[in-house]
Protein backbone atom coordinates (compact mmCIF):
# COMPACT_ATOMS: atom_id res chain seq x y z
CA MET A 1 -8.91 8.27 2.26
CA MET A 2 -5.35 9.33 2.98
CA TYR A 3 -3.71 10.22 6.28
CA ILE A 4 -0.23 11.68 6.69
CA LYS A 5 1.64 11.80 9.99
CA HIS A 6 4.87 13.72 10.60
CA HIS A 7 7.00 12.91 13.62
CA GLY A 8 10.33 14.71 13.52
CA LYS A 9 12.05 13.56 10.32
CA ASN A 10 9.76 10.55 10.02
CA ILE A 11 6.70 10.59 7.78
CA VAL A 12 4.10 7.90 7.25
CA THR A 13 1.24 7.94 4.77
CA VAL A 14 -1.73 5.63 5.34
CA LEU A 15 -4.07 4.98 2.40
CA ILE A 16 -7.45 3.38 3.08
CA TRP A 17 -9.84 2.00 0.50
CA VAL A 18 -12.83 0.05 1.90
CA ASP A 19 -11.06 -2.81 3.72
CA ASP A 20 -7.56 -2.34 2.26
CA ILE A 21 -4.87 -0.32 4.00
CA VAL A 22 -1.52 0.64 2.52
CA VAL A 23 1.12 2.03 4.89
CA VAL A 24 3.97 3.98 3.29
CA PRO A 25 6.64 5.08 5.82
CA ASN A 26 10.06 6.59 5.34
CA SER A 27 11.48 4.47 8.18
CA THR A 28 10.96 0.96 9.54
CA SER A 29 10.36 2.39 13.01
CA MET A 30 7.32 4.32 11.73
CA LEU A 31 6.07 1.22 9.94
CA ASP A 32 6.36 -0.84 13.12
CA GLU A 33 4.63 1.87 15.17
CA VAL A 34 1.68 2.14 12.79
CA LYS A 35 1.29 -1.65 12.53
CA VAL A 36 1.19 -1.95 16.33
CA LEU A 37 -1.36 0.86 16.66
CA LEU A 38 -3.60 -0.54 13.91
CA SER A 39 -3.43 -4.11 15.22
CA GLN A 40 -4.53 -2.90 18.66
CA LYS A 41 -7.71 -1.42 17.15
CA PHE A 42 -8.46 -3.74 14.22
CA LYS A 43 -8.15 -7.38 13.22
CA MET A 44 -5.57 -7.24 10.44
CA LYS A 45 -3.07 -9.20 8.39
CA ASP A 46 0.33 -7.91 7.33
CA ARG A 47 0.69 -8.99 3.72
CA GLY A 48 4.19 -7.55 3.37
CA VAL A 49 5.35 -5.43 0.47
CA ILE A 50 2.51 -4.25 -1.77
CA SER A 51 2.03 -6.23 -4.95
CA ARG A 52 -1.51 -5.41 -6.09
CA ILE A 53 -4.39 -3.14 -5.06
CA LEU A 54 -7.41 -1.77 -6.94
CA GLY A 55 -6.35 -3.39 -10.21
CA VAL A 56 -2.88 -1.86 -10.11
CA ASP A 57 0.19 -4.12 -9.93
CA PHE A 58 3.21 -2.84 -8.00
CA LYS A 59 6.82 -3.91 -8.38
CA VAL A 60 9.26 -2.73 -5.72
CA GLU A 61 12.97 -3.00 -6.49
CA SER A 62 16.18 -1.04 -6.13
CA GLY A 63 14.55 1.85 -4.26
CA LYS A 64 11.83 2.45 -6.85
CA ILE A 65 8.20 1.49 -7.25
CA THR A 66 6.74 0.65 -10.66
CA MET A 67 2.97 0.64 -11.16
CA SER A 68 1.24 -1.19 -14.01
CA GLN A 69 -2.32 -1.84 -15.16
CA GLU A 70 -1.26 -4.31 -17.86
CA ARG A 71 -3.26 -7.17 -16.33
CA TYR A 72 -6.39 -5.00 -16.16
CA LEU A 73 -5.98 -3.78 -19.75
CA THR A 74 -5.39 -7.31 -21.03
CA LYS A 75 -8.67 -8.42 -19.45
CA LEU A 76 -10.47 -5.45 -21.02
CA PHE A 77 -9.08 -6.26 -24.49
CA GLU A 78 -10.04 -9.93 -24.10
CA ARG A 79 -13.55 -8.99 -23.06
CA PHE A 80 -14.28 -6.19 -25.53
CA GLY A 81 -11.85 -7.03 -28.34
């Protein structure tokens, strides 16, 4: 499920998959606001910058995000040859 909130020039996208939540804001103030709101309603842990979800590895550097399924594909090749 995906939610998008606009507040002036700020935008935050919240992605939810079962018990995983990914918050993607365009400002730290929106990130802080969403984290406060979510923590008031749910027991949660802030795991920092995304590194892996749903078998996809993420690398965040220099203003860009790289996604890879290399680990998943390697496991498939090992299993099925």
